[in-house]
Amino acid sequence: MVSVPTKETIKRRTIADMKELGVYKTQYGRIIDLYSGLVHQFLRLNQKFEDEGMQYESFTAAGGAKKSPIVATLESLRKDILAYSNQLCLNPKSLESVTVEDKNKKSTLASILGEMID
């Protein structure tokens, strides 16, 4: 059985990924916390779903079949995770629309002053 990472581990990895992509700001703390919680819930439920034999359907009292509640929950969490990952620029599509600040790039004024000193 594979262990599911903790919410804090997911949060640290998310922050590290965002820093590497150049899109992290401390002000995003709440949304990162929510995203981490959703990912943790998804991973735990997915593990439970696999452990219980991946039963996609459950049967109604009338004898018909319907989507298993755990499958419906996993689908909902997947959609929520995608929405949050878009907001945090953690997927290629959302990252395309963001201008990432280059921290090594000097402002025009800093460049001119630097040239004057040299």
PDB file of N, CA and C in Angstrom:
ATOM      1  N   MET A   1       0.834  -1.184   0.000  1.00  0.00           N
ATOM      2  CA  MET A   1       0.000   0.000   0.000  1.00  0.00           C
ATOM      3  C   MET A   1       0.882   1.251   0.000  1.00  0.00           C
ATOM      4  N   VAL A   2       0.607   2.149  -0.921  1.00  0.00           N
ATOM      5  CA  VAL A   2       1.353   3.400  -1.043  1.00  0.00           C
ATOM      6  C   VAL A   2       0.786   4.398  -0.041  1.00  0.00           C
ATOM      7  N   SER A   3       1.679   5.087   0.660  1.00  0.00           N
ATOM      8  CA  SER A   3       1.181   6.065   1.631  1.00  0.00           C
ATOM      9  C   SER A   3       0.858   7.381   0.932  1.00  0.00           C
ATOM     10  N   VAL A   4      -0.138   8.038   1.428  1.00  0.00           N
ATOM     11  CA  VAL A   4      -0.578   9.326   0.886  1.00  0.00           C
ATOM     12  C   VAL A   4       0.198  10.424   1.601  1.00  0.00           C
ATOM     13  N   PRO A   5       0.775  11.368   0.852  1.00  0.00           N
ATOM     14  CA  PRO A   5       1.506  12.459   1.507  1.00  0.00           C
ATOM     15  C   PRO A   5       0.566  13.312   2.364  1.00  0.00           C
ATOM     16  N   THR A   6       1.119  13.895   3.398  1.00  0.00           N
ATOM     17  CA  THR A   6       0.316  14.742   4.265  1.00  0.00           C
ATOM     18  C   THR A   6      -0.032  16.046   3.557  1.00  0.00           C
ATOM     19  N   LYS A   7      -0.998  16.744   4.107  1.00  0.00           N
ATOM     20  CA  LYS A   7      -1.391  18.037   3.553  1.00  0.00           C
ATOM     21  C   LYS A   7      -0.216  19.006   3.584  1.00  0.00           C
ATOM     22  N   GLU A   8       0.568  18.968   4.649  1.00  0.00           N
ATOM     23  CA  GLU A   8       1.723  19.865   4.773  1.00  0.00           C
ATOM     24  C   GLU A   8       2.794  19.544   3.737  1.00  0.00           C
ATOM     25  N   THR A   9       2.998  18.259   3.455  1.00  0.00           N
ATOM     26  CA  THR A   9       3.963  17.868   2.428  1.00  0.00           C
ATOM     27  C   THR A   9       3.515  18.375   1.067  1.00  0.00           C
ATOM     28  N   ILE A  10       2.233  18.217   0.782  1.00  0.00           N
ATOM     29  CA  ILE A  10       1.679  18.700  -0.487  1.00  0.00           C
ATOM     30  C   ILE A  10       1.832  20.213  -0.578  1.00  0.00           C
ATOM     31  N   LYS A  11       1.589  20.905   0.524  1.00  0.00           N
ATOM     32  CA  LYS A  11       1.708  22.365   0.551  1.00  0.00           C
ATOM     33  C   LYS A  11       3.152  22.794   0.283  1.00  0.00           C
ATOM     34  N   ARG A  12       4.117  22.132   0.925  1.00  0.00           N
ATOM     35  CA  ARG A  12       5.532  22.467   0.709  1.00  0.00           C
ATOM     36  C   ARG A  12       5.933  22.215  -0.743  1.00  0.00           C
ATOM     37  N   ARG A  13       5.486  21.100  -1.298  1.00  0.00           N
ATOM     38  CA  ARG A  13       5.816  20.791  -2.696  1.00  0.00           C
ATOM     39  C   ARG A  13       5.176  21.802  -3.647  1.00  0.00           C
ATOM     40  N   THR A  14       3.960  22.207  -3.336  1.00  0.00           N
ATOM     41  CA  THR A  14       3.261  23.188  -4.167  1.00  0.00           C
ATOM     42  C   THR A  14       4.010  24.515  -4.163  1.00  0.00           C
ATOM     43  N   ILE A  15       4.422  24.952  -2.990  1.00  0.00           N
ATOM     44  CA  ILE A  15       5.173  26.204  -2.874  1.00  0.00           C
ATOM     45  C   ILE A  15       6.499  26.092  -3.622  1.00  0.00           C
ATOM     46  N   ALA A  16       7.177  24.961  -3.491  1.00  0.00           N
ATOM     47  CA  ALA A  16       8.448  24.760  -4.197  1.00  0.00           C
ATOM     48  C   ALA A  16       8.236  24.797  -5.712  1.00  0.00           C
ATOM     49  N   ASP A  17       7.173  24.149  -6.179  1.00  0.00           N
ATOM     50  CA  ASP A  17       6.867  24.169  -7.619  1.00  0.00           C
ATOM     51  C   ASP A  17       6.582  25.586  -8.096  1.00  0.00           C
ATOM     52  N   MET A  18       5.799  26.326  -7.314  1.00  0.00           N
ATOM     53  CA  MET A  18       5.457  27.686  -7.703  1.00  0.00           C
ATOM     54  C   MET A  18       6.692  28.583  -7.722  1.00  0.00           C
ATOM     55  N   LYS A  19       7.580  28.396  -6.753  1.00  0.00           N
ATOM     56  CA  LYS A  19       8.828  29.187  -6.731  1.00  0.00           C
ATOM     57  C   LYS A  19       9.667  28.867  -7.960  1.00  0.00           C
ATOM     58  N   GLU A  20       9.738  27.586  -8.310  1.00  0.00           N
ATOM     59  CA  GLU A  20      10.513  27.183  -9.480  1.00  0.00           C
ATOM     60  C   GLU A  20       9.940  27.776 -10.767  1.00  0.00           C
ATOM     61  N   LEU A  21       8.615  27.885 -10.830  1.00  0.00           N
ATOM     62  CA  LEU A  21       7.948  28.464 -12.001  1.00  0.00           C
ATOM     63  C   LEU A  21       7.965  29.993 -11.978  1.00  0.00           C
ATOM     64  N   GLY A  22       8.324  30.584 -10.823  1.00  0.00           N
ATOM     65  CA  GLY A  22       8.377  32.036 -10.705  1.00  0.00           C
ATOM     66  C   GLY A  22       7.023  32.680 -10.488  1.00  0.00           C
ATOM     67  N   VAL A  23       6.071  31.937  -9.925  1.00  0.00           N
ATOM     68  CA  VAL A  23       4.729  32.481  -9.736  1.00  0.00           C
ATOM     69  C   VAL A  23       4.305  32.536  -8.258  1.00  0.00           C
ATOM     70  N   TYR A  24       5.215  32.219  -7.340  1.00  0.00           N
ATOM     71  CA  TYR A  24       4.852  32.178  -5.917  1.00  0.00           C
ATOM     72  C   TYR A  24       4.885  33.563  -5.286  1.00  0.00           C
ATOM     73  N   LYS A  25       3.866  33.828  -4.484  1.00  0.00           N
ATOM     74  CA  LYS A  25       3.821  35.022  -3.633  1.00  0.00           C
ATOM     75  C   LYS A  25       3.250  34.590  -2.296  1.00  0.00           C
ATOM     76  N   THR A  26       3.729  35.180  -1.225  1.00  0.00           N
ATOM     77  CA  THR A  26       3.268  34.790   0.110  1.00  0.00           C
ATOM     78  C   THR A  26       1.775  35.059   0.292  1.00  0.00           C
ATOM     79  N   GLN A  27       1.243  35.998  -0.466  1.00  0.00           N
ATOM     80  CA  GLN A  27      -0.181  36.333  -0.360  1.00  0.00           C
ATOM     81  C   GLN A  27      -1.083  35.179  -0.807  1.00  0.00           C
ATOM     82  N   TYR A  28      -0.529  34.204  -1.505  1.00  0.00           N
ATOM     83  CA  TYR A  28      -1.321  33.071  -1.992  1.00  0.00           C
ATOM     84  C   TYR A  28      -1.478  31.967  -0.941  1.00  0.00           C
ATOM     85  N   GLY A  29      -1.053  32.242   0.275  1.00  0.00           N
ATOM     86  CA  GLY A  29      -1.059  31.229   1.331  1.00  0.00           C
ATOM     87  C   GLY A  29      -2.394  30.526   1.534  1.00  0.00           C
ATOM     88  N   ARG A  30      -3.475  31.272   1.589  1.00  0.00           N
ATOM     89  CA  ARG A  30      -4.794  30.659   1.823  1.00  0.00           C
ATOM     90  C   ARG A  30      -5.219  29.749   0.686  1.00  0.00           C
ATOM     91  N   ILE A  31      -5.031  30.216  -0.538  1.00  0.00           N
ATOM     92  CA  ILE A  31      -5.454  29.408  -1.674  1.00  0.00           C
ATOM     93  C   ILE A  31      -4.561  28.168  -1.815  1.00  0.00           C
ATOM     94  N   ILE A  32      -3.277  28.298  -1.471  1.00  0.00           N
ATOM     95  CA  ILE A  32      -2.380  27.134  -1.485  1.00  0.00           C
ATOM     96  C   ILE A  32      -2.825  26.135  -0.428  1.00  0.00           C
ATOM     97  N   ASP A  33      -3.236  26.636   0.730  1.00  0.00           N
ATOM     98  CA  ASP A  33      -3.713  25.765   1.800  1.00  0.00           C
ATOM     99  C   ASP A  33      -4.976  25.008   1.364  1.00  0.00           C
ATOM    100  N   LEU A  34      -5.908  25.712   0.720  1.00  0.00           N
ATOM    101  CA  LEU A  34      -7.123  25.059   0.223  1.00  0.00           C
ATOM    102  C   LEU A  34      -6.794  24.020  -0.840  1.00  0.00           C
ATOM    103  N   TYR A  35      -5.924  24.388  -1.761  1.00  0.00           N
ATOM    104  CA  TYR A  35      -5.503  23.472  -2.832  1.00  0.00           C
ATOM    105  C   TYR A  35      -4.856  22.217  -2.242  1.00  0.00           C
ATOM    106  N   SER A  36      -3.980  22.407  -1.272  1.00  0.00           N
ATOM    107  CA  SER A  36      -3.298  21.279  -0.642  1.00  0.00           C
ATOM    108  C   SER A  36      -4.285  20.347   0.049  1.00  0.00           C
ATOM    109  N   GLY A  37      -5.283  20.931   0.699  1.00  0.00           N
ATOM    110  CA  GLY A  37      -6.313  20.121   1.344  1.00  0.00           C
ATOM    111  C   GLY A  37      -7.108  19.301   0.346  1.00  0.00           C
ATOM    112  N   LEU A  38      -7.447  19.913  -0.774  1.00  0.00           N
ATOM    113  CA  LEU A  38      -8.198  19.199  -1.811  1.00  0.00           C
ATOM    114  C   LEU A  38      -7.382  18.054  -2.411  1.00  0.00           C
ATOM    115  N   VAL A  39      -6.109  18.313  -2.679  1.00  0.00           N
ATOM    116  CA  VAL A  39      -5.242  17.267  -3.239  1.00  0.00           C
ATOM    117  C   VAL A  39      -5.101  16.123  -2.236  1.00  0.00           C
ATOM    118  N   HIS A  40      -4.934  16.469  -0.962  1.00  0.00           N
ATOM    119  CA  HIS A  40      -4.818  15.440   0.080  1.00  0.00           C
ATOM    120  C   HIS A  40      -6.098  14.593   0.154  1.00  0.00           C
ATOM    121  N   GLN A  41      -7.254  15.250   0.152  1.00  0.00           N
ATOM    122  CA  GLN A  41      -8.526  14.521   0.167  1.00  0.00           C
ATOM    123  C   GLN A  41      -8.648  13.608  -1.041  1.00  0.00           C
ATOM    124  N   PHE A  42      -8.292  14.135  -2.214  1.00  0.00           N
ATOM    125  CA  PHE A  42      -8.379  13.347  -3.436  1.00  0.00           C
ATOM    126  C   PHE A  42      -7.497  12.106  -3.350  1.00  0.00           C
ATOM    127  N   LEU A  43      -6.258  12.286  -2.904  1.00  0.00           N
ATOM    128  CA  LEU A  43      -5.338  11.149  -2.819  1.00  0.00           C
ATOM    129  C   LEU A  43      -5.816  10.103  -1.815  1.00  0.00           C
ATOM    130  N   ARG A  44      -6.348  10.561  -0.673  1.00  0.00           N
ATOM    131  CA  ARG A  44      -6.865   9.616   0.322  1.00  0.00           C
ATOM    132  C   ARG A  44      -8.071   8.854  -0.216  1.00  0.00           C
ATOM    133  N   LEU A  45      -9.009   9.574  -0.846  1.00  0.00           N
ATOM    134  CA  LEU A  45     -10.185   8.905  -1.402  1.00  0.00           C
ATOM    135  C   LEU A  45      -9.826   7.977  -2.549  1.00  0.00           C
ATOM    136  N   ASN A  46      -8.886   8.376  -3.354  1.00  0.00           N
ATOM    137  CA  ASN A  46      -8.446   7.533  -4.461  1.00  0.00           C
ATOM    138  C   ASN A  46      -7.814   6.246  -3.934  1.00  0.00           C
ATOM    139  N   GLN A  47      -7.030   6.365  -2.863  1.00  0.00           N
ATOM    140  CA  GLN A  47      -6.430   5.183  -2.232  1.00  0.00           C
ATOM    141  C   GLN A  47      -7.522   4.260  -1.697  1.00  0.00           C
ATOM    142  N   LYS A  48      -8.519   4.839  -1.047  1.00  0.00           N
ATOM    143  CA  LYS A  48      -9.637   4.054  -0.514  1.00  0.00           C
ATOM    144  C   LYS A  48     -10.390   3.363  -1.657  1.00  0.00           C
ATOM    145  N   PHE A  49     -10.628   4.096  -2.739  1.00  0.00           N
ATOM    146  CA  PHE A  49     -11.315   3.567  -3.906  1.00  0.00           C
ATOM    147  C   PHE A  49     -10.557   2.358  -4.472  1.00  0.00           C
ATOM    148  N   GLU A  50      -9.244   2.476  -4.574  1.00  0.00           N
ATOM    149  CA  GLU A  50      -8.430   1.364  -5.067  1.00  0.00           C
ATOM    150  C   GLU A  50      -8.443   0.193  -4.096  1.00  0.00           C
ATOM    151  N   ASP A  51      -8.335   0.482  -2.795  1.00  0.00           N
ATOM    152  CA  ASP A  51      -8.325  -0.575  -1.783  1.00  0.00           C
ATOM    153  C   ASP A  51      -9.641  -1.351  -1.750  1.00  0.00           C
ATOM    154  N   GLU A  52     -10.737  -0.681  -2.081  1.00  0.00           N
ATOM    155  CA  GLU A  52     -12.054  -1.319  -2.046  1.00  0.00           C
ATOM    156  C   GLU A  52     -12.441  -1.953  -3.377  1.00  0.00           C
ATOM    157  N   GLY A  53     -11.484  -2.097  -4.286  1.00  0.00           N
ATOM    158  CA  GLY A  53     -11.739  -2.807  -5.527  1.00  0.00           C
ATOM    159  C   GLY A  53     -12.228  -1.966  -6.684  1.00  0.00           C
ATOM    160  N   MET A  54     -12.157  -0.667  -6.576  1.00  0.00           N
ATOM    161  CA  MET A  54     -12.522   0.257  -7.656  1.00  0.00           C
ATOM    162  C   MET A  54     -13.918  -0.004  -8.224  1.00  0.00           C
ATOM    163  N   GLN A  55     -14.886  -0.083  -7.355  1.00  0.00           N
ATOM    164  CA  GLN A  55     -16.265  -0.317  -7.766  1.00  0.00           C
ATOM    165  C   GLN A  55     -16.872   0.997  -8.263  1.00  0.00           C
ATOM    166  N   TYR A  56     -17.120   1.063  -9.577  1.00  0.00           N
ATOM    167  CA  TYR A  56     -17.614   2.291 -10.209  1.00  0.00           C
ATOM    168  C   TYR A  56     -19.107   2.501 -10.033  1.00  0.00           C
ATOM    169  N   GLU A  57     -19.838   1.428  -9.904  1.00  0.00           N
ATOM    170  CA  GLU A  57     -21.291   1.538  -9.808  1.00  0.00           C
ATOM    171  C   GLU A  57     -21.795   0.932  -8.510  1.00  0.00           C
ATOM    172  N   SER A  58     -22.896   1.470  -8.054  1.00  0.00           N
ATOM    173  CA  SER A  58     -23.610   0.865  -6.932  1.00  0.00           C
ATOM    174  C   SER A  58     -25.044   0.659  -7.400  1.00  0.00           C
ATOM    175  N   PHE A  59     -25.706  -0.256  -6.782  1.00  0.00           N
ATOM    176  CA  PHE A  59     -27.051  -0.611  -7.222  1.00  0.00           C
ATOM    177  C   PHE A  59     -28.104   0.051  -6.348  1.00  0.00           C
ATOM    178  N   THR A  60     -29.155   0.502  -6.990  1.00  0.00           N
ATOM    179  CA  THR A  60     -30.252   1.171  -6.297  1.00  0.00           C
ATOM    180  C   THR A  60     -31.238   0.127  -5.778  1.00  0.00           C
ATOM    181  N   ALA A  61     -32.139   0.566  -4.919  1.00  0.00           N
ATOM    182  CA  ALA A  61     -33.159  -0.338  -4.384  1.00  0.00           C
ATOM    183  C   ALA A  61     -34.072  -0.858  -5.495  1.00  0.00           C
ATOM    184  N   ALA A  62     -34.222  -0.092  -6.562  1.00  0.00           N
ATOM    185  CA  ALA A  62     -35.077  -0.492  -7.679  1.00  0.00           C
ATOM    186  C   ALA A  62     -34.372  -1.485  -8.606  1.00  0.00           C
ATOM    187  N   GLY A  63     -33.098  -1.765  -8.316  1.00  0.00           N
ATOM    188  CA  GLY A  63     -32.373  -2.727  -9.132  1.00  0.00           C
ATOM    189  C   GLY A  63     -31.520  -2.122 -10.228  1.00  0.00           C
ATOM    190  N   GLY A  64     -31.569  -0.819 -10.378  1.00  0.00           N
ATOM    191  CA  GLY A  64     -30.754  -0.152 -11.395  1.00  0.00           C
ATOM    192  C   GLY A  64     -29.357   0.135 -10.862  1.00  0.00           C
ATOM    193  N   ALA A  65     -28.506   0.595 -11.728  1.00  0.00           N
ATOM    194  CA  ALA A  65     -27.138   0.942 -11.333  1.00  0.00           C
ATOM    195  C   ALA A  65     -26.951   2.452 -11.430  1.00  0.00           C
ATOM    196  N   LYS A  66     -26.165   2.987 -10.523  1.00  0.00           N
ATOM    197  CA  LYS A  66     -25.818   4.406 -10.563  1.00  0.00           C
ATOM    198  C   LYS A  66     -24.350   4.550 -10.202  1.00  0.00           C
ATOM    199  N   LYS A  67     -23.814   5.713 -10.469  1.00  0.00           N
ATOM    200  CA  LYS A  67     -22.411   5.988 -10.177  1.00  0.00           C
ATOM    201  C   LYS A  67     -22.181   5.878  -8.674  1.00  0.00           C
ATOM    202  N   SER A  68     -21.118   5.232  -8.303  1.00  0.00           N
ATOM    203  CA  SER A  68     -20.750   5.080  -6.902  1.00  0.00           C
ATOM    204  C   SER A  68     -20.511   6.460  -6.281  1.00  0.00           C
ATOM    205  N   PRO A  69     -20.922   6.669  -5.029  1.00  0.00           N
ATOM    206  CA  PRO A  69     -20.705   7.971  -4.384  1.00  0.00           C
ATOM    207  C   PRO A  69     -19.234   8.393  -4.331  1.00  0.00           C
ATOM    208  N   ILE A  70     -18.346   7.424  -4.139  1.00  0.00           N
ATOM    209  CA  ILE A  70     -16.923   7.774  -4.067  1.00  0.00           C
ATOM    210  C   ILE A  70     -16.410   8.244  -5.429  1.00  0.00           C
ATOM    211  N   VAL A  71     -16.934   7.678  -6.508  1.00  0.00           N
ATOM    212  CA  VAL A  71     -16.541   8.110  -7.856  1.00  0.00           C
ATOM    213  C   VAL A  71     -17.026   9.537  -8.101  1.00  0.00           C
ATOM    214  N   ALA A  72     -18.244   9.824  -7.693  1.00  0.00           N
ATOM    215  CA  ALA A  72     -18.793  11.174  -7.858  1.00  0.00           C
ATOM    216  C   ALA A  72     -17.963  12.188  -7.070  1.00  0.00           C
ATOM    217  N   THR A  73     -17.557  11.813  -5.870  1.00  0.00           N
ATOM    218  CA  THR A  73     -16.742  12.700  -5.046  1.00  0.00           C
ATOM    219  C   THR A  73     -15.370  12.918  -5.670  1.00  0.00           C
ATOM    220  N   LEU A  74     -14.756  11.850  -6.173  1.00  0.00           N
ATOM    221  CA  LEU A  74     -13.456  11.974  -6.836  1.00  0.00           C
ATOM    222  C   LEU A  74     -13.544  12.896  -8.059  1.00  0.00           C
ATOM    223  N   GLU A  75     -14.608  12.763  -8.834  1.00  0.00           N
ATOM    224  CA  GLU A  75     -14.793  13.623 -10.008  1.00  0.00           C
ATOM    225  C   GLU A  75     -14.924  15.086  -9.599  1.00  0.00           C
ATOM    226  N   SER A  76     -15.681  15.335  -8.551  1.00  0.00           N
ATOM    227  CA  SER A  76     -15.868  16.699  -8.064  1.00  0.00           C
ATOM    228  C   SER A  76     -14.547  17.285  -7.556  1.00  0.00           C
ATOM    229  N   LEU A  77     -13.797  16.487  -6.806  1.00  0.00           N
ATOM    230  CA  LEU A  77     -12.503  16.956  -6.315  1.00  0.00           C
ATOM    231  C   LEU A  77     -11.539  17.236  -7.463  1.00  0.00           C
ATOM    232  N   ARG A  78     -11.564  16.399  -8.482  1.00  0.00           N
ATOM    233  CA  ARG A  78     -10.693  16.606  -9.649  1.00  0.00           C
ATOM    234  C   ARG A  78     -10.985  17.951 -10.303  1.00  0.00           C
ATOM    235  N   LYS A  79     -12.258  18.275 -10.441  1.00  0.00           N
ATOM    236  CA  LYS A  79     -12.638  19.560 -11.045  1.00  0.00           C
ATOM    237  C   LYS A  79     -12.187  20.729 -10.178  1.00  0.00           C
ATOM    238  N   ASP A  80     -12.370  20.595  -8.866  1.00  0.00           N
ATOM    239  CA  ASP A  80     -11.951  21.656  -7.948  1.00  0.00           C
ATOM    240  C   ASP A  80     -10.434  21.835  -7.965  1.00  0.00           C
ATOM    241  N   ILE A  81      -9.707  20.725  -7.979  1.00  0.00           N
ATOM    242  CA  ILE A  81      -8.244  20.789  -8.016  1.00  0.00           C
ATOM    243  C   ILE A  81      -7.774  21.480  -9.288  1.00  0.00           C
ATOM    244  N   LEU A  82      -8.400  21.147 -10.406  1.00  0.00           N
ATOM    245  CA  LEU A  82      -8.037  21.791 -11.664  1.00  0.00           C
ATOM    246  C   LEU A  82      -8.277  23.299 -11.598  1.00  0.00           C
ATOM    247  N   ALA A  83      -9.398  23.706 -11.024  1.00  0.00           N
ATOM    248  CA  ALA A  83      -9.703  25.133 -10.911  1.00  0.00           C
ATOM    249  C   ALA A  83      -8.655  25.844 -10.047  1.00  0.00           C
ATOM    250  N   TYR A  84      -8.297  25.247  -8.915  1.00  0.00           N
ATOM    251  CA  TYR A  84      -7.291  25.860  -8.046  1.00  0.00           C
ATOM    252  C   TYR A  84      -5.913  25.841  -8.701  1.00  0.00           C
ATOM    253  N   SER A  85      -5.572  24.763  -9.402  1.00  0.00           N
ATOM    254  CA  SER A  85      -4.261  24.703 -10.051  1.00  0.00           C
ATOM    255  C   SER A  85      -4.162  25.759 -11.147  1.00  0.00           C
ATOM    256  N   ASN A  86      -5.280  26.076 -11.797  1.00  0.00           N
ATOM    257  CA  ASN A  86      -5.292  27.172 -12.769  1.00  0.00           C
ATOM    258  C   ASN A  86      -4.979  28.497 -12.086  1.00  0.00           C
ATOM    259  N   GLN A  87      -5.612  28.729 -10.949  1.00  0.00           N
ATOM    260  CA  GLN A  87      -5.401  29.978 -10.220  1.00  0.00           C
ATOM    261  C   GLN A  87      -3.963  30.111  -9.732  1.00  0.00           C
ATOM    262  N   LEU A  88      -3.341  28.973  -9.394  1.00  0.00           N
ATOM    263  CA  LEU A  88      -1.978  28.996  -8.875  1.00  0.00           C
ATOM    264  C   LEU A  88      -0.917  28.839  -9.976  1.00  0.00           C
ATOM    265  N   CYS A  89      -1.375  28.787 -11.232  1.00  0.00           N
ATOM    266  CA  CYS A  89      -0.481  28.654 -12.402  1.00  0.00           C
ATOM    267  C   CYS A  89       0.371  27.391 -12.327  1.00  0.00           C
ATOM    268  N   LEU A  90      -0.244  26.299 -11.930  1.00  0.00           N
ATOM    269  CA  LEU A  90       0.483  25.042 -11.777  1.00  0.00           C
ATOM    270  C   LEU A  90       0.285  24.082 -12.944  1.00  0.00           C
ATOM    271  N   ASN A  91      -0.348  24.545 -13.993  1.00  0.00           N
ATOM    272  CA  ASN A  91      -0.474  23.684 -15.171  1.00  0.00           C
ATOM    273  C   ASN A  91      -0.072  24.488 -16.407  1.00  0.00           C
ATOM    274  N   PRO A  92       0.307  23.790 -17.466  1.00  0.00           N
ATOM    275  CA  PRO A  92       0.834  24.490 -18.655  1.00  0.00           C
ATOM    276  C   PRO A  92      -0.117  25.521 -19.260  1.00  0.00           C
ATOM    277  N   LYS A  93      -1.399  25.220 -19.313  1.00  0.00           N
ATOM    278  CA  LYS A  93      -2.358  26.136 -19.940  1.00  0.00           C
ATOM    279  C   LYS A  93      -2.430  27.465 -19.186  1.00  0.00           C
ATOM    280  N   SER A  94      -2.522  27.408 -17.869  1.00  0.00           N
ATOM    281  CA  SER A  94      -2.626  28.649 -17.097  1.00  0.00           C
ATOM    282  C   SER A  94      -1.304  29.398 -17.062  1.00  0.00           C
ATOM    283  N   LEU A  95      -0.193  28.686 -17.116  1.00  0.00           N
ATOM    284  CA  LEU A  95       1.114  29.332 -17.074  1.00  0.00           C
ATOM    285  C   LEU A  95       1.390  30.124 -18.348  1.00  0.00           C
ATOM    286  N   GLU A  96       0.776  29.711 -19.471  1.00  0.00           N
ATOM    287  CA  GLU A  96       0.954  30.424 -20.738  1.00  0.00           C
ATOM    288  C   GLU A  96       0.441  31.856 -20.672  1.00  0.00           C
ATOM    289  N   SER A  97      -0.585  32.092 -19.874  1.00  0.00           N
ATOM    290  CA  SER A  97      -1.217  33.402 -19.834  1.00  0.00           C
ATOM    291  C   SER A  97      -0.629  34.332 -18.775  1.00  0.00           C
ATOM    292  N   VAL A  98       0.436  33.901 -18.103  1.00  0.00           N
ATOM    293  CA  VAL A  98       1.016  34.687 -17.022  1.00  0.00           C
ATOM    294  C   VAL A  98       2.389  35.194 -17.427  1.00  0.00           C
ATOM    295  N   THR A  99       2.662  36.440 -17.102  1.00  0.00           N
ATOM    296  CA  THR A  99       3.990  36.996 -17.308  1.00  0.00           C
ATOM    297  C   THR A  99       4.748  36.826 -16.004  1.00  0.00           C
ATOM    298  N   VAL A 100       5.799  36.040 -16.056  1.00  0.00           N
ATOM    299  CA  VAL A 100       6.591  35.753 -14.867  1.00  0.00           C
ATOM    300  C   VAL A 100       7.673  36.807 -14.728  1.00  0.00           C
ATOM    301  N   GLU A 101       7.804  37.316 -13.500  1.00  0.00           N
ATOM    302  CA  GLU A 101       8.822  38.326 -13.233  1.00  0.00           C
ATOM    303  C   GLU A 101      10.190  37.669 -13.184  1.00  0.00           C
ATOM    304  N   ASP A 102      11.167  38.285 -13.840  1.00  0.00           N
ATOM    305  CA  ASP A 102      12.535  37.809 -13.790  1.00  0.00           C
ATOM    306  C   ASP A 102      13.230  38.556 -12.666  1.00  0.00           C
ATOM    307  N   LYS A 103      13.536  37.867 -11.584  1.00  0.00           N
ATOM    308  CA  LYS A 103      14.128  38.525 -10.424  1.00  0.00           C
ATOM    309  C   LYS A 103      15.575  38.945 -10.671  1.00  0.00           C
ATOM    310  N   ASN A 104      16.211  38.348 -11.661  1.00  0.00           N
ATOM    311  CA  ASN A 104      17.594  38.694 -11.979  1.00  0.00           C
ATOM    312  C   ASN A 104      17.682  39.906 -12.902  1.00  0.00           C
ATOM    313  N   LYS A 105      16.574  40.271 -13.513  1.00  0.00           N
ATOM    314  CA  LYS A 105      16.554  41.395 -14.443  1.00  0.00           C
ATOM    315  C   LYS A 105      16.555  42.708 -13.656  1.00  0.00           C
ATOM    316  N   LYS A 106      17.440  43.604 -14.051  1.00  0.00           N
ATOM    317  CA  LYS A 106      17.524  44.904 -13.395  1.00  0.00           C
ATOM    318  C   LYS A 106      16.554  45.870 -14.059  1.00  0.00           C
ATOM    319  N   SER A 107      16.086  46.804 -13.281  1.00  0.00           N
ATOM    320  CA  SER A 107      15.253  47.852 -13.849  1.00  0.00           C
ATOM    321  C   SER A 107      16.122  48.737 -14.739  1.00  0.00           C
ATOM    322  N   THR A 108      15.482  49.532 -15.560  1.00  0.00           N
ATOM    323  CA  THR A 108      16.212  50.428 -16.454  1.00  0.00           C
ATOM    324  C   THR A 108      17.074  51.390 -15.652  1.00  0.00           C
ATOM    325  N   LEU A 109      16.531  51.942 -14.591  1.00  0.00           N
ATOM    326  CA  LEU A 109      17.277  52.878 -13.744  1.00  0.00           C
ATOM    327  C   LEU A 109      18.486  52.185 -13.128  1.00  0.00           C
ATOM    328  N   ALA A 110      18.299  50.970 -12.624  1.00  0.00           N
ATOM    329  CA  ALA A 110      19.418  50.230 -12.016  1.00  0.00           C
ATOM    330  C   ALA A 110      20.493  49.938 -13.040  1.00  0.00           C
ATOM    331  N   SER A 111      20.111  49.639 -14.260  1.00  0.00           N
ATOM    332  CA  SER A 111      21.088  49.367 -15.325  1.00  0.00           C
ATOM    333  C   SER A 111      21.909  50.605 -15.645  1.00  0.00           C
ATOM    334  N   ILE A 112      21.231  51.757 -15.749  1.00  0.00           N
ATOM    335  CA  ILE A 112      21.926  53.011 -16.059  1.00  0.00           C
ATOM    336  C   ILE A 112      22.868  53.386 -14.933  1.00  0.00           C
ATOM    337  N   LEU A 113      22.405  53.289 -13.683  1.00  0.00           N
ATOM    338  CA  LEU A 113      23.261  53.612 -12.549  1.00  0.00           C
ATOM    339  C   LEU A 113      24.448  52.656 -12.453  1.00  0.00           C
ATOM    340  N   GLY A 114      24.207  51.392 -12.779  1.00  0.00           N
ATOM    341  CA  GLY A 114      25.282  50.404 -12.774  1.00  0.00           C
ATOM    342  C   GLY A 114      26.349  50.722 -13.795  1.00  0.00           C
ATOM    343  N   GLU A 115      25.925  51.192 -14.967  1.00  0.00           N
ATOM    344  CA  GLU A 115      26.878  51.552 -16.018  1.00  0.00           C
ATOM    345  C   GLU A 115      27.682  52.776 -15.623  1.00  0.00           C
ATOM    346  N   MET A 116      27.055  53.725 -14.898  1.00  0.00           N
ATOM    347  CA  MET A 116      27.755  54.938 -14.486  1.00  0.00           C
ATOM    348  C   MET A 116      28.838  54.637 -13.475  1.00  0.00           C
ATOM    349  N   ILE A 117      28.593  53.640 -12.633  1.00  0.00           N
ATOM    350  CA  ILE A 117      29.570  53.287 -11.595  1.00  0.00           C
ATOM    351  C   ILE A 117      30.760  52.560 -12.201  1.00  0.00           C
ATOM    352  N   ASP A 118      30.499  51.726 -13.184  1.00  0.00           N
ATOM    353  CA  ASP A 118      31.575  50.939 -13.809  1.00  0.00           C
ATOM    354  C   ASP A 118      32.481  51.799 -14.567  1.00  0.00           C
TER     355      ASP A 118
END
